[in-house]
N, C-alpha and C. Protein backbone atom coordinates (compact mmCIF):
# COMPACT_ATOMS: atom_id res chain seq x y z
N MET A 1 0.65 -1.29 0.06
CA MET A 1 -0.26 0.02 -0.12
C MET A 1 1.18 1.10 0.44
N LYS A 2 0.67 2.21 -1.41
CA LYS A 2 1.29 3.19 -0.61
C LYS A 2 0.42 4.94 -1.10
N LEU A 3 1.31 6.05 -0.31
CA LEU A 3 0.36 6.76 -0.38
C LEU A 3 1.19 7.53 -1.74
N LYS A 4 -0.20 8.76 -1.95
CA LYS A 4 -0.16 9.36 -2.92
C LYS A 4 1.86 10.02 -2.87
N GLN A 5 2.48 10.36 -3.79
CA GLN A 5 3.36 10.75 -3.64
C GLN A 5 3.73 12.24 -3.52
N LYS A 6 2.59 13.25 -3.55
CA LYS A 6 2.52 14.89 -3.45
C LYS A 6 1.45 15.24 -2.34
N LEU A 7 1.32 14.15 -1.60
CA LEU A 7 1.30 14.54 -0.02
C LEU A 7 2.12 15.54 0.38
N ALA A 8 0.74 16.30 1.08
CA ALA A 8 1.58 17.46 1.91
C ALA A 8 1.53 16.92 3.26
N ILE A 9 1.87 16.90 4.54
CA ILE A 9 1.51 16.10 5.71
C ILE A 9 2.84 16.72 6.51
N SER A 10 2.43 17.27 7.08
CA SER A 10 2.46 18.91 8.47
C SER A 10 3.10 17.52 9.63
N ASP A 11 3.77 17.67 10.32
CA ASP A 11 4.12 16.74 12.01
C ASP A 11 2.79 17.00 13.16
N SER A 12 1.80 18.61 12.16
CA SER A 12 0.75 18.49 13.54
C SER A 12 -0.47 17.41 12.93
N GLY A 13 -0.71 16.88 11.84
CA GLY A 13 -1.18 15.82 11.09
C GLY A 13 -2.41 16.53 10.15
N PHE A 14 -1.81 17.66 9.85
CA PHE A 14 -2.85 18.35 8.69
C PHE A 14 -2.10 17.82 7.60
N ILE A 15 -2.96 17.35 6.49
CA ILE A 15 -2.74 16.56 5.27
C ILE A 15 -2.88 17.56 3.87
N PHE A 16 -3.06 17.92 2.91
CA PHE A 16 -3.16 18.80 1.74
C PHE A 16 -2.56 17.79 0.93
N ASP A 17 -3.81 17.75 -0.74
CA ASP A 17 -3.79 16.78 -1.14
C ASP A 17 -3.27 17.88 -2.26
N PRO A 18 -2.36 18.25 -3.08
CA PRO A 18 -2.20 19.19 -4.07
C PRO A 18 -2.82 19.04 -5.51
N THR A 19 -3.03 18.05 -5.28
CA THR A 19 -4.32 16.80 -7.27
C THR A 19 -5.57 17.54 -6.92
N THR A 20 -6.04 17.14 -6.20
CA THR A 20 -7.42 17.71 -6.06
C THR A 20 -7.87 19.33 -4.63
N GLY A 21 -6.71 19.59 -4.07
CA GLY A 21 -6.72 20.69 -3.09
C GLY A 21 -7.61 20.47 -1.83
N GLU A 22 -7.96 19.65 -1.68
CA GLU A 22 -8.71 18.92 -0.38
C GLU A 22 -7.32 18.97 1.22
N SER A 23 -8.25 18.99 1.71
CA SER A 23 -7.17 19.11 3.18
C SER A 23 -7.59 18.43 4.26
N PHE A 24 -7.56 17.56 4.88
CA PHE A 24 -8.21 16.79 5.68
C PHE A 24 -7.02 17.18 7.08
N SER A 25 -7.61 16.63 8.87
CA SER A 25 -6.82 16.71 9.85
C SER A 25 -7.14 14.87 10.26
N ILE A 26 -5.38 14.73 11.17
CA ILE A 26 -6.15 13.21 11.38
C ILE A 26 -5.29 13.74 12.83
N ASN A 27 -5.42 12.84 13.78
CA ASN A 27 -4.93 12.61 15.49
C ASN A 27 -3.24 12.30 15.36
N GLN A 28 -2.53 11.47 16.28
CA GLN A 28 -1.34 11.87 16.47
C GLN A 28 -1.15 10.01 15.74
N GLU A 29 -2.47 9.45 16.71
CA GLU A 29 -2.10 7.91 15.94
C GLU A 29 -2.09 7.90 13.85
N GLY A 30 -2.72 8.74 13.73
CA GLY A 30 -3.48 8.79 12.11
C GLY A 30 -2.11 9.18 11.62
N LEU A 31 -1.20 10.29 11.60
CA LEU A 31 0.06 10.54 11.71
C LEU A 31 1.06 9.61 11.16
N THR A 32 0.88 9.37 13.10
CA THR A 32 1.93 7.69 13.04
C THR A 32 2.03 6.23 11.90
N ILE A 33 0.38 6.66 11.69
CA ILE A 33 0.59 5.46 10.27
C ILE A 33 0.16 6.07 9.48
N LEU A 34 0.52 6.60 9.34
CA LEU A 34 0.41 7.68 7.56
C LEU A 34 2.37 7.58 7.77
N GLN A 35 3.12 8.13 8.70
CA GLN A 35 4.43 7.85 8.69
C GLN A 35 4.89 6.97 7.96
N LEU A 36 4.63 5.89 9.07
CA LEU A 36 4.46 4.32 8.82
C LEU A 36 4.31 3.87 7.53
N LEU A 37 3.63 4.30 6.58
CA LEU A 37 2.83 3.69 5.09
C LEU A 37 3.91 4.53 4.45
N LYS A 38 4.31 5.69 4.84
CA LYS A 38 5.35 6.09 3.86
C LYS A 38 6.72 5.67 3.93
N GLU A 39 7.14 5.07 5.07
CA GLU A 39 8.43 4.06 5.25
C GLU A 39 7.88 2.68 4.90
N GLY A 40 7.06 2.88 3.91
CA GLY A 40 6.85 1.04 3.07
C GLY A 40 6.66 -0.32 4.20
N LYS A 41 6.41 0.17 5.38
CA LYS A 41 5.50 -0.90 6.53
C LYS A 41 3.77 -1.39 5.91
N THR A 42 4.27 -2.12 6.20
CA THR A 42 2.85 -3.09 5.95
C THR A 42 2.07 -2.72 7.27
N GLU A 43 0.59 -3.29 6.77
CA GLU A 43 -0.41 -3.01 7.70
C GLU A 43 0.16 -4.32 9.37
N GLU A 44 0.23 -4.93 8.92
CA GLU A 44 0.97 -6.37 9.73
C GLU A 44 1.96 -5.24 10.51
N GLU A 45 3.39 -5.32 9.73
CA GLU A 45 4.25 -3.88 10.71
C GLU A 45 3.73 -3.19 11.69
N ILE A 46 2.72 -2.47 11.31
CA ILE A 46 1.96 -1.51 11.60
C ILE A 46 1.61 -1.37 13.17
N LYS A 47 0.88 -3.02 12.34
CA LYS A 47 -0.35 -3.24 13.75
C LYS A 47 1.16 -3.72 15.16
N LYS A 48 2.09 -4.55 14.66
CA LYS A 48 3.34 -4.68 15.91
C LYS A 48 3.75 -4.01 16.84
N ILE A 49 4.67 -2.57 15.25
CA ILE A 49 4.66 -1.61 16.08
C ILE A 49 3.48 -0.62 17.57
N PHE A 50 2.25 -1.00 16.76
CA PHE A 50 1.68 -0.21 17.96
C PHE A 50 0.98 -0.99 18.84
N LEU A 51 1.11 -2.80 19.38
CA LEU A 51 1.22 -3.36 20.23
C LEU A 51 2.19 -2.75 21.35
N ASN A 52 3.57 -2.73 20.70
CA ASN A 52 4.34 -2.63 21.41
C ASN A 52 4.36 -1.41 22.10
N GLU A 53 3.82 0.32 21.52
CA GLU A 53 4.05 0.88 21.71
C GLU A 53 2.99 1.36 22.96
N TYR A 54 1.62 0.80 22.47
CA TYR A 54 0.31 1.07 23.33
C TYR A 54 -0.08 0.12 23.94
N ASP A 55 -0.80 0.23 25.19
CA ASP A 55 -1.77 -0.76 25.74
C ASP A 55 -2.91 -0.89 24.87
N VAL A 56 -3.39 -1.66 24.08
CA VAL A 56 -4.63 -1.77 23.40
C VAL A 56 -4.65 -2.96 23.02
N ASP A 57 -5.54 -3.09 22.76
CA ASP A 57 -6.49 -4.65 22.50
C ASP A 57 -6.62 -5.13 20.87
N GLU A 58 -5.76 -6.41 20.75
CA GLU A 58 -5.25 -6.11 19.11
C GLU A 58 -6.84 -6.03 18.23
N THR A 59 -7.89 -7.02 19.07
CA THR A 59 -8.98 -6.56 18.54
C THR A 59 -9.18 -5.43 17.84
N VAL A 60 -9.26 -4.33 19.02
CA VAL A 60 -9.52 -2.72 18.47
C VAL A 60 -8.69 -2.38 17.60
N LEU A 61 -7.00 -3.15 18.08
CA LEU A 61 -6.79 -2.32 16.89
C LEU A 61 -6.68 -2.26 15.67
N ASP A 62 -7.20 -3.98 15.34
CA ASP A 62 -7.42 -4.05 13.57
C ASP A 62 -8.27 -3.65 13.23
N ARG A 63 -9.59 -3.28 14.11
CA ARG A 63 -10.44 -2.80 13.62
C ARG A 63 -10.20 -1.18 13.06
N SER A 64 -9.30 -0.53 13.88
CA SER A 64 -8.83 0.78 14.21
C SER A 64 -8.15 1.53 12.37
N ILE A 65 -7.18 0.15 12.89
CA ILE A 65 -5.96 0.20 11.09
C ILE A 65 -7.00 0.36 10.24
N LEU A 66 -8.03 -0.81 10.05
CA LEU A 66 -8.81 -0.95 9.13
C LEU A 66 -10.20 0.12 8.71
N ASP A 67 -10.40 0.38 9.39
CA ASP A 67 -10.98 1.87 9.66
C ASP A 67 -9.88 2.76 8.77
N PHE A 68 -9.33 3.39 9.11
CA PHE A 68 -7.80 4.46 9.13
C PHE A 68 -8.03 4.28 7.85
N ILE A 69 -7.22 2.79 7.13
CA ILE A 69 -6.99 2.58 5.92
C ILE A 69 -8.02 2.60 4.88
N SER A 70 -9.63 2.35 5.31
CA SER A 70 -10.59 2.47 4.55
C SER A 70 -10.54 4.15 4.41
N MET A 71 -10.41 4.87 5.18
CA MET A 71 -11.12 5.95 5.00
C MET A 71 -9.86 6.38 4.02
N LEU A 72 -8.57 6.31 3.90
CA LEU A 72 -7.44 6.95 3.33
C LEU A 72 -7.81 6.43 1.60
N LYS A 73 -8.43 5.28 1.62
CA LYS A 73 -9.18 4.72 0.19
C LYS A 73 -9.84 5.66 -0.40
N ASN A 74 -10.75 6.02 0.64
CA ASN A 74 -12.29 6.15 0.36
C ASN A 74 -11.92 7.91 -0.34
N TYR A 75 -11.29 8.47 0.35
CA TYR A 75 -10.23 9.86 0.05
C TYR A 75 -8.96 9.87 -0.92
N ASN A 76 -8.83 8.32 -0.89
CA ASN A 76 -8.00 8.95 -2.50
C ASN A 76 -7.02 9.19 -2.38
N LEU A 77 -5.76 9.05 -1.27
CA LEU A 77 -5.00 9.32 -0.72
C LEU A 77 -4.19 8.05 -0.55
N ILE A 78 -4.72 7.32 -1.11
CA ILE A 78 -3.83 5.30 -1.53
C ILE A 78 -3.30 5.63 -3.09
N GLU A 79 -2.47 5.36 -3.60
CA GLU A 79 -2.07 5.39 -5.01
C GLU A 79 -3.32 4.51 -5.56
N ASN A 80 -3.57 5.08 -7.15
CA ASN A 80 -4.56 3.66 -7.50
C ASN A 80 -3.84 2.50 -7.91
N GLY A 81 -4.44 1.51 -8.05
CA GLY A 81 -3.75 0.41 -7.38
C GLY A 81 -3.78 -0.28 -6.74
N GLU A 82 -3.92 0.54 -5.48
CA GLU A 82 -3.33 -0.55 -4.42
C GLU A 82 -4.56 -0.62 -3.42
């Protein structure tokens, strides 16, 4: 899964898509997921990182990651073909 290359992502969680002019705000956890995706991490690798960093139920984490990735796809922030 690959994020669009031209996305501008600030350290505060502000995302700007210059191809559409749309902007979005995300929380710190969402920002961490985006940064890990930009590094080429898989969903499974992201899950392991979050399980090591946070005291979170694995089932809840699975759902949260799936929901977040679905949102990225819904807003076309993932490269075509992903």
